[in-house]
Amino acid sequence: MAFAPALGYADCLPDESLALSCALSGGGHLSLCWTPQQARLTYDKKPDLPAEVRVPLGDVTGLTASDSASSTLRGPGASYEVYVSGQVGGMNQIQDGGGSSSFACTFGTVSGSLAALNDAAIYAPTSKEK
């Protein structure tokens, strides 16, 4: 897993597919993009303080139901659970040693679907299998 400050909110890169994008209720933006090799999450930890997390695609676990979905990016030290149900979405950052942060999407700004990411992650090797 890589964690680095980002220069600012960026859309998906040319080789990436959009899984989820939204405006955060506290200001800023959340975006989850993926390729067959990795998932990339960008979000504003605080307004004007963006961050980026990258994990191998196999380190994403997902749950897709008819009316909701979630994808969890698992890395050393923390997990990042992105969720969506209709126009309600957001992210929970959960530290391994305890503590968490939640980021809610502004209602009506959610776009994308986690289903394709979740399906692709099932068949991708985890970082422990490489």
N, C-alpha and C. Protein backbone atom coordinates (compact mmCIF):
# COMPACT_ATOMS: atom_id res chain seq x y z
N MET A 1 0.85 -1.17 0.00
CA MET A 1 0.00 0.00 0.00
C MET A 1 0.89 1.23 0.00
N ALA A 2 0.51 2.19 -0.76
CA ALA A 2 1.23 3.46 -0.78
C ALA A 2 0.29 4.54 -0.27
N PHE A 3 0.82 5.41 0.55
CA PHE A 3 0.04 6.54 1.05
C PHE A 3 0.90 7.77 0.85
N ALA A 4 0.36 8.74 0.16
CA ALA A 4 1.15 9.94 -0.11
C ALA A 4 0.24 11.14 -0.22
N PRO A 5 0.75 12.31 0.15
CA PRO A 5 -0.03 13.51 -0.12
C PRO A 5 -0.24 13.65 -1.62
N ALA A 6 -1.39 14.07 -2.00
CA ALA A 6 -1.68 14.30 -3.42
C ALA A 6 -1.60 15.80 -3.68
N LEU A 7 -1.34 16.12 -4.92
CA LEU A 7 -1.22 17.53 -5.26
C LEU A 7 -2.58 18.22 -5.33
N GLY A 8 -3.62 17.47 -5.40
CA GLY A 8 -4.96 18.02 -5.48
C GLY A 8 -5.89 16.95 -6.00
N TYR A 9 -7.18 17.21 -5.96
CA TYR A 9 -8.12 16.23 -6.44
C TYR A 9 -7.90 15.99 -7.92
N ALA A 10 -7.83 14.75 -8.30
CA ALA A 10 -7.67 14.40 -9.71
C ALA A 10 -8.71 13.37 -10.08
N ASP A 11 -9.22 13.48 -11.30
CA ASP A 11 -10.10 12.46 -11.82
C ASP A 11 -9.28 11.20 -12.02
N CYS A 12 -9.94 10.14 -12.46
CA CYS A 12 -9.22 8.92 -12.75
C CYS A 12 -8.19 9.18 -13.84
N LEU A 13 -7.09 8.46 -13.75
CA LEU A 13 -6.05 8.55 -14.76
C LEU A 13 -6.54 7.86 -16.03
N PRO A 14 -5.90 8.12 -17.18
CA PRO A 14 -6.40 7.57 -18.44
C PRO A 14 -6.58 6.05 -18.46
N ASP A 15 -5.75 5.29 -17.76
CA ASP A 15 -5.88 3.83 -17.77
C ASP A 15 -6.78 3.29 -16.65
N GLU A 16 -7.39 4.16 -15.86
CA GLU A 16 -8.21 3.74 -14.73
C GLU A 16 -9.70 3.81 -15.05
N SER A 17 -10.46 2.99 -14.33
CA SER A 17 -11.92 3.02 -14.39
C SER A 17 -12.44 3.66 -13.11
N LEU A 18 -13.51 4.43 -13.23
CA LEU A 18 -14.12 5.06 -12.06
C LEU A 18 -14.98 4.05 -11.32
N ALA A 19 -14.77 3.93 -10.01
CA ALA A 19 -15.65 3.13 -9.17
C ALA A 19 -16.63 4.04 -8.44
N LEU A 20 -16.13 5.13 -7.87
CA LEU A 20 -17.01 6.05 -7.13
C LEU A 20 -16.38 7.43 -7.07
N SER A 21 -17.21 8.43 -7.16
CA SER A 21 -16.78 9.81 -7.04
C SER A 21 -17.89 10.60 -6.35
N CYS A 22 -17.49 11.55 -5.49
CA CYS A 22 -18.50 12.41 -4.86
C CYS A 22 -17.83 13.64 -4.26
N ALA A 23 -18.64 14.65 -4.02
CA ALA A 23 -18.20 15.82 -3.26
C ALA A 23 -18.41 15.49 -1.78
N LEU A 24 -17.43 15.82 -0.94
CA LEU A 24 -17.56 15.55 0.49
C LEU A 24 -18.33 16.67 1.17
N SER A 25 -19.14 16.30 2.15
CA SER A 25 -19.99 17.29 2.82
C SER A 25 -19.18 18.34 3.56
N GLY A 26 -17.97 18.02 3.99
CA GLY A 26 -17.12 18.99 4.68
C GLY A 26 -16.26 19.79 3.73
N GLY A 27 -16.49 19.65 2.45
CA GLY A 27 -15.64 20.29 1.44
C GLY A 27 -14.67 19.27 0.89
N GLY A 28 -14.26 19.44 -0.32
CA GLY A 28 -13.32 18.51 -0.94
C GLY A 28 -14.03 17.45 -1.75
N HIS A 29 -13.28 16.40 -2.09
CA HIS A 29 -13.77 15.39 -3.00
C HIS A 29 -13.22 14.02 -2.62
N LEU A 30 -13.96 12.98 -2.95
CA LEU A 30 -13.53 11.60 -2.77
C LEU A 30 -13.64 10.91 -4.11
N SER A 31 -12.64 10.13 -4.47
CA SER A 31 -12.65 9.41 -5.73
C SER A 31 -11.97 8.07 -5.56
N LEU A 32 -12.59 7.02 -6.09
CA LEU A 32 -12.02 5.68 -6.07
C LEU A 32 -11.94 5.19 -7.51
N CYS A 33 -10.72 4.94 -7.98
CA CYS A 33 -10.47 4.51 -9.35
C CYS A 33 -9.68 3.20 -9.30
N TRP A 34 -9.71 2.44 -10.41
CA TRP A 34 -9.02 1.16 -10.39
C TRP A 34 -8.57 0.72 -11.78
N THR A 35 -7.56 -0.15 -11.78
CA THR A 35 -7.07 -0.84 -12.97
C THR A 35 -7.06 -2.33 -12.61
N PRO A 36 -6.76 -3.20 -13.55
CA PRO A 36 -6.64 -4.62 -13.20
C PRO A 36 -5.53 -4.92 -12.20
N GLN A 37 -4.63 -3.95 -11.96
CA GLN A 37 -3.53 -4.16 -11.02
C GLN A 37 -3.75 -3.52 -9.66
N GLN A 38 -4.45 -2.40 -9.59
CA GLN A 38 -4.53 -1.67 -8.32
C GLN A 38 -5.79 -0.83 -8.20
N ALA A 39 -6.09 -0.45 -6.97
CA ALA A 39 -7.15 0.52 -6.69
C ALA A 39 -6.48 1.76 -6.12
N ARG A 40 -7.02 2.93 -6.47
CA ARG A 40 -6.46 4.21 -6.02
C ARG A 40 -7.58 5.07 -5.46
N LEU A 41 -7.44 5.44 -4.21
CA LEU A 41 -8.41 6.27 -3.51
C LEU A 41 -7.80 7.63 -3.26
N THR A 42 -8.48 8.69 -3.67
CA THR A 42 -8.04 10.05 -3.35
C THR A 42 -9.16 10.72 -2.57
N TYR A 43 -8.78 11.48 -1.56
CA TYR A 43 -9.77 12.17 -0.73
C TYR A 43 -9.11 13.31 -0.01
N ASP A 44 -9.91 14.22 0.46
CA ASP A 44 -9.41 15.35 1.23
C ASP A 44 -9.57 15.00 2.71
N LYS A 45 -8.45 14.78 3.39
CA LYS A 45 -8.50 14.48 4.81
C LYS A 45 -9.13 15.64 5.57
N LYS A 46 -8.80 16.82 5.16
CA LYS A 46 -9.40 18.06 5.64
C LYS A 46 -9.49 18.93 4.40
N PRO A 47 -10.36 19.91 4.37
CA PRO A 47 -10.42 20.76 3.16
C PRO A 47 -9.02 21.27 2.81
N ASP A 48 -8.69 21.16 1.54
CA ASP A 48 -7.40 21.58 1.00
C ASP A 48 -6.23 20.74 1.50
N LEU A 49 -6.47 19.53 2.01
CA LEU A 49 -5.41 18.63 2.41
C LEU A 49 -5.69 17.25 1.81
N PRO A 50 -5.43 17.08 0.52
CA PRO A 50 -5.76 15.82 -0.14
C PRO A 50 -4.76 14.71 0.20
N ALA A 51 -5.23 13.48 0.10
CA ALA A 51 -4.39 12.30 0.32
C ALA A 51 -4.71 11.27 -0.74
N GLU A 52 -3.79 10.35 -0.94
CA GLU A 52 -3.97 9.29 -1.92
C GLU A 52 -3.51 7.97 -1.31
N VAL A 53 -4.28 6.91 -1.55
CA VAL A 53 -3.96 5.58 -1.08
C VAL A 53 -4.04 4.65 -2.28
N ARG A 54 -3.00 3.84 -2.47
CA ARG A 54 -2.99 2.84 -3.55
C ARG A 54 -2.76 1.47 -2.94
N VAL A 55 -3.53 0.49 -3.39
CA VAL A 55 -3.35 -0.89 -2.94
C VAL A 55 -3.46 -1.81 -4.15
N PRO A 56 -2.81 -2.99 -4.10
CA PRO A 56 -3.03 -3.97 -5.16
C PRO A 56 -4.52 -4.32 -5.24
N LEU A 57 -5.01 -4.58 -6.43
CA LEU A 57 -6.43 -4.86 -6.59
C LEU A 57 -6.88 -6.04 -5.73
N GLY A 58 -6.02 -7.03 -5.55
CA GLY A 58 -6.37 -8.18 -4.72
C GLY A 58 -6.51 -7.87 -3.25
N ASP A 59 -6.06 -6.68 -2.82
CA ASP A 59 -6.21 -6.27 -1.42
C ASP A 59 -7.49 -5.46 -1.21
N VAL A 60 -8.40 -5.53 -2.17
CA VAL A 60 -9.72 -4.91 -2.05
C VAL A 60 -10.73 -6.02 -1.81
N THR A 61 -11.55 -5.87 -0.77
CA THR A 61 -12.66 -6.79 -0.56
C THR A 61 -13.95 -6.00 -0.73
N GLY A 62 -14.93 -6.66 -1.28
CA GLY A 62 -16.16 -5.93 -1.56
C GLY A 62 -17.40 -6.72 -1.26
N LEU A 63 -18.48 -6.00 -1.13
CA LEU A 63 -19.81 -6.57 -0.93
C LEU A 63 -20.75 -5.79 -1.83
N THR A 64 -21.42 -6.49 -2.72
CA THR A 64 -22.35 -5.84 -3.63
C THR A 64 -23.73 -6.46 -3.44
N ALA A 65 -24.71 -5.64 -3.13
CA ALA A 65 -26.11 -6.07 -3.00
C ALA A 65 -26.94 -5.31 -4.02
N SER A 66 -28.21 -5.61 -4.11
CA SER A 66 -29.05 -4.96 -5.11
C SER A 66 -29.21 -3.46 -4.86
N ASP A 67 -29.13 -3.02 -3.61
CA ASP A 67 -29.36 -1.61 -3.31
C ASP A 67 -28.18 -0.90 -2.64
N SER A 68 -27.07 -1.59 -2.46
CA SER A 68 -25.91 -0.96 -1.82
C SER A 68 -24.65 -1.75 -2.14
N ALA A 69 -23.50 -1.12 -1.89
CA ALA A 69 -22.22 -1.79 -2.10
C ALA A 69 -21.16 -1.13 -1.23
N SER A 70 -20.13 -1.90 -0.92
CA SER A 70 -18.98 -1.34 -0.22
C SER A 70 -17.72 -2.02 -0.74
N SER A 71 -16.63 -1.28 -0.71
CA SER A 71 -15.31 -1.79 -1.09
C SER A 71 -14.35 -1.36 0.00
N THR A 72 -13.54 -2.30 0.48
CA THR A 72 -12.57 -1.99 1.53
C THR A 72 -11.17 -2.20 0.99
N LEU A 73 -10.38 -1.14 1.03
CA LEU A 73 -8.98 -1.20 0.64
C LEU A 73 -8.18 -1.48 1.90
N ARG A 74 -7.44 -2.57 1.91
CA ARG A 74 -6.73 -3.01 3.11
C ARG A 74 -5.25 -2.84 2.93
N GLY A 75 -4.64 -2.12 3.84
CA GLY A 75 -3.20 -1.94 3.78
C GLY A 75 -2.62 -1.96 5.17
N PRO A 76 -1.30 -1.93 5.27
CA PRO A 76 -0.67 -1.92 6.59
C PRO A 76 -1.06 -0.67 7.37
N GLY A 77 -1.59 -0.87 8.54
CA GLY A 77 -1.91 0.26 9.41
C GLY A 77 -3.32 0.77 9.35
N ALA A 78 -4.04 0.51 8.26
CA ALA A 78 -5.40 1.07 8.16
C ALA A 78 -6.19 0.37 7.06
N SER A 79 -7.49 0.50 7.17
CA SER A 79 -8.43 0.07 6.15
C SER A 79 -9.27 1.27 5.75
N TYR A 80 -9.70 1.29 4.50
CA TYR A 80 -10.50 2.38 3.96
C TYR A 80 -11.75 1.77 3.34
N GLU A 81 -12.87 1.92 4.01
CA GLU A 81 -14.13 1.36 3.53
C GLU A 81 -14.92 2.44 2.81
N VAL A 82 -15.13 2.24 1.51
CA VAL A 82 -15.93 3.15 0.70
C VAL A 82 -17.28 2.48 0.51
N TYR A 83 -18.36 3.23 0.68
CA TYR A 83 -19.70 2.65 0.60
C TYR A 83 -20.64 3.55 -0.18
N VAL A 84 -21.67 2.93 -0.75
CA VAL A 84 -22.68 3.67 -1.49
C VAL A 84 -24.00 2.93 -1.43
N SER A 85 -25.07 3.70 -1.31
CA SER A 85 -26.43 3.18 -1.39
C SER A 85 -27.27 4.29 -2.01
N GLY A 86 -27.56 4.14 -3.29
CA GLY A 86 -28.27 5.21 -4.00
C GLY A 86 -27.40 6.45 -4.06
N GLN A 87 -27.90 7.56 -3.54
CA GLN A 87 -27.13 8.81 -3.53
C GLN A 87 -26.48 9.08 -2.17
N VAL A 88 -26.43 8.07 -1.32
CA VAL A 88 -25.75 8.18 -0.02
C VAL A 88 -24.44 7.42 -0.14
N GLY A 89 -23.34 8.05 0.22
CA GLY A 89 -22.05 7.39 0.14
C GLY A 89 -21.05 8.05 1.05
N GLY A 90 -19.88 7.45 1.12
CA GLY A 90 -18.82 8.01 1.94
C GLY A 90 -17.70 7.03 2.15
N MET A 91 -16.86 7.33 3.14
CA MET A 91 -15.71 6.49 3.45
C MET A 91 -15.46 6.50 4.95
N ASN A 92 -15.08 5.34 5.46
CA ASN A 92 -14.62 5.20 6.84
C ASN A 92 -13.16 4.78 6.79
N GLN A 93 -12.31 5.52 7.48
CA GLN A 93 -10.90 5.18 7.61
C GLN A 93 -10.73 4.59 9.00
N ILE A 94 -10.26 3.33 9.07
CA ILE A 94 -10.16 2.63 10.34
C ILE A 94 -8.69 2.26 10.59
N GLN A 95 -8.12 2.83 11.64
CA GLN A 95 -6.73 2.54 12.00
C GLN A 95 -6.64 1.19 12.71
N ASP A 96 -5.59 0.43 12.43
CA ASP A 96 -5.43 -0.88 13.07
C ASP A 96 -5.34 -0.79 14.58
N GLY A 97 -4.68 0.21 15.11
CA GLY A 97 -4.52 0.34 16.55
C GLY A 97 -5.70 0.99 17.24
N GLY A 98 -6.75 1.28 16.52
CA GLY A 98 -7.91 1.96 17.09
C GLY A 98 -8.03 3.35 16.50
N GLY A 99 -9.20 3.86 16.54
CA GLY A 99 -9.47 5.18 15.99
C GLY A 99 -9.98 5.09 14.57
N SER A 100 -10.82 6.03 14.23
CA SER A 100 -11.38 6.05 12.89
C SER A 100 -11.79 7.47 12.52
N SER A 101 -11.96 7.67 11.23
CA SER A 101 -12.45 8.93 10.69
C SER A 101 -13.51 8.60 9.66
N SER A 102 -14.54 9.41 9.57
CA SER A 102 -15.60 9.20 8.59
C SER A 102 -15.72 10.42 7.70
N PHE A 103 -15.99 10.17 6.44
CA PHE A 103 -16.18 11.21 5.45
C PHE A 103 -17.48 10.91 4.72
N ALA A 104 -18.42 11.83 4.73
CA ALA A 104 -19.72 11.62 4.08
C ALA A 104 -19.78 12.40 2.77
N CYS A 105 -20.40 11.77 1.77
CA CYS A 105 -20.62 12.45 0.50
C CYS A 105 -21.82 13.38 0.62
N THR A 106 -21.78 14.49 -0.07
CA THR A 106 -22.93 15.37 -0.15
C THR A 106 -24.02 14.66 -0.94
N PHE A 107 -25.22 14.62 -0.40
CA PHE A 107 -26.32 13.92 -1.06
C PHE A 107 -26.51 14.45 -2.48
N GLY A 108 -26.66 13.53 -3.41
CA GLY A 108 -26.89 13.90 -4.80
C GLY A 108 -25.63 14.06 -5.64
N THR A 109 -24.44 13.92 -5.04
CA THR A 109 -23.20 14.09 -5.81
C THR A 109 -22.51 12.77 -6.12
N VAL A 110 -23.07 11.66 -5.68
CA VAL A 110 -22.43 10.35 -5.86
C VAL A 110 -22.59 9.89 -7.31
N SER A 111 -21.48 9.47 -7.91
CA SER A 111 -21.54 8.87 -9.24
C SER A 111 -20.64 7.65 -9.27
N GLY A 112 -20.96 6.73 -10.15
CA GLY A 112 -20.17 5.52 -10.29
C GLY A 112 -20.84 4.34 -9.62
N SER A 113 -20.14 3.21 -9.67
CA SER A 113 -20.64 1.97 -9.08
C SER A 113 -19.46 1.16 -8.59
N LEU A 114 -19.60 0.56 -7.43
CA LEU A 114 -18.53 -0.27 -6.88
C LEU A 114 -18.58 -1.70 -7.38
N ALA A 115 -19.64 -2.09 -8.08
CA ALA A 115 -19.85 -3.49 -8.47
C ALA A 115 -18.73 -4.03 -9.35
N ALA A 116 -18.32 -3.30 -10.39
CA ALA A 116 -17.27 -3.80 -11.29
C ALA A 116 -15.94 -3.94 -10.56
N LEU A 117 -15.60 -2.98 -9.70
CA LEU A 117 -14.38 -3.07 -8.89
C LEU A 117 -14.44 -4.31 -8.00
N ASN A 118 -15.54 -4.51 -7.31
CA ASN A 118 -15.67 -5.66 -6.41
C ASN A 118 -15.54 -6.98 -7.17
N ASP A 119 -16.16 -7.06 -8.35
CA ASP A 119 -16.08 -8.28 -9.16
C ASP A 119 -14.65 -8.55 -9.60
N ALA A 120 -13.95 -7.53 -10.08
CA ALA A 120 -12.57 -7.69 -10.55
C ALA A 120 -11.63 -8.07 -9.41
N ALA A 121 -11.86 -7.53 -8.23
CA ALA A 121 -10.96 -7.79 -7.09
C ALA A 121 -11.01 -9.25 -6.64
N ILE A 122 -12.13 -9.92 -6.89
CA ILE A 122 -12.25 -11.33 -6.48
C ILE A 122 -11.17 -12.17 -7.13
N TYR A 123 -10.83 -11.88 -8.38
CA TYR A 123 -9.91 -12.71 -9.15
C TYR A 123 -8.47 -12.22 -9.13
N ALA A 124 -8.21 -11.10 -8.51
CA ALA A 124 -6.85 -10.54 -8.47
C ALA A 124 -6.08 -11.11 -7.29
N PRO A 125 -4.77 -11.36 -7.48
CA PRO A 125 -3.97 -11.87 -6.36
C PRO A 125 -3.77 -10.78 -5.30
N THR A 126 -3.73 -11.20 -4.04
CA THR A 126 -3.47 -10.26 -2.96
C THR A 126 -1.96 -10.00 -2.89
N SER A 127 -1.56 -8.99 -2.16
CA SER A 127 -0.14 -8.69 -2.02
C SER A 127 0.60 -9.83 -1.32
N LYS A 128 -0.10 -10.62 -0.53
CA LYS A 128 0.54 -11.75 0.16
C LYS A 128 0.74 -12.94 -0.75
N GLU A 129 0.05 -12.98 -1.91
CA GLU A 129 0.17 -14.09 -2.84
C GLU A 129 1.27 -13.87 -3.88
N LYS A 130 1.86 -12.69 -3.92
CA LYS A 130 2.85 -12.38 -4.95
C LYS A 130 4.21 -12.87 -4.55
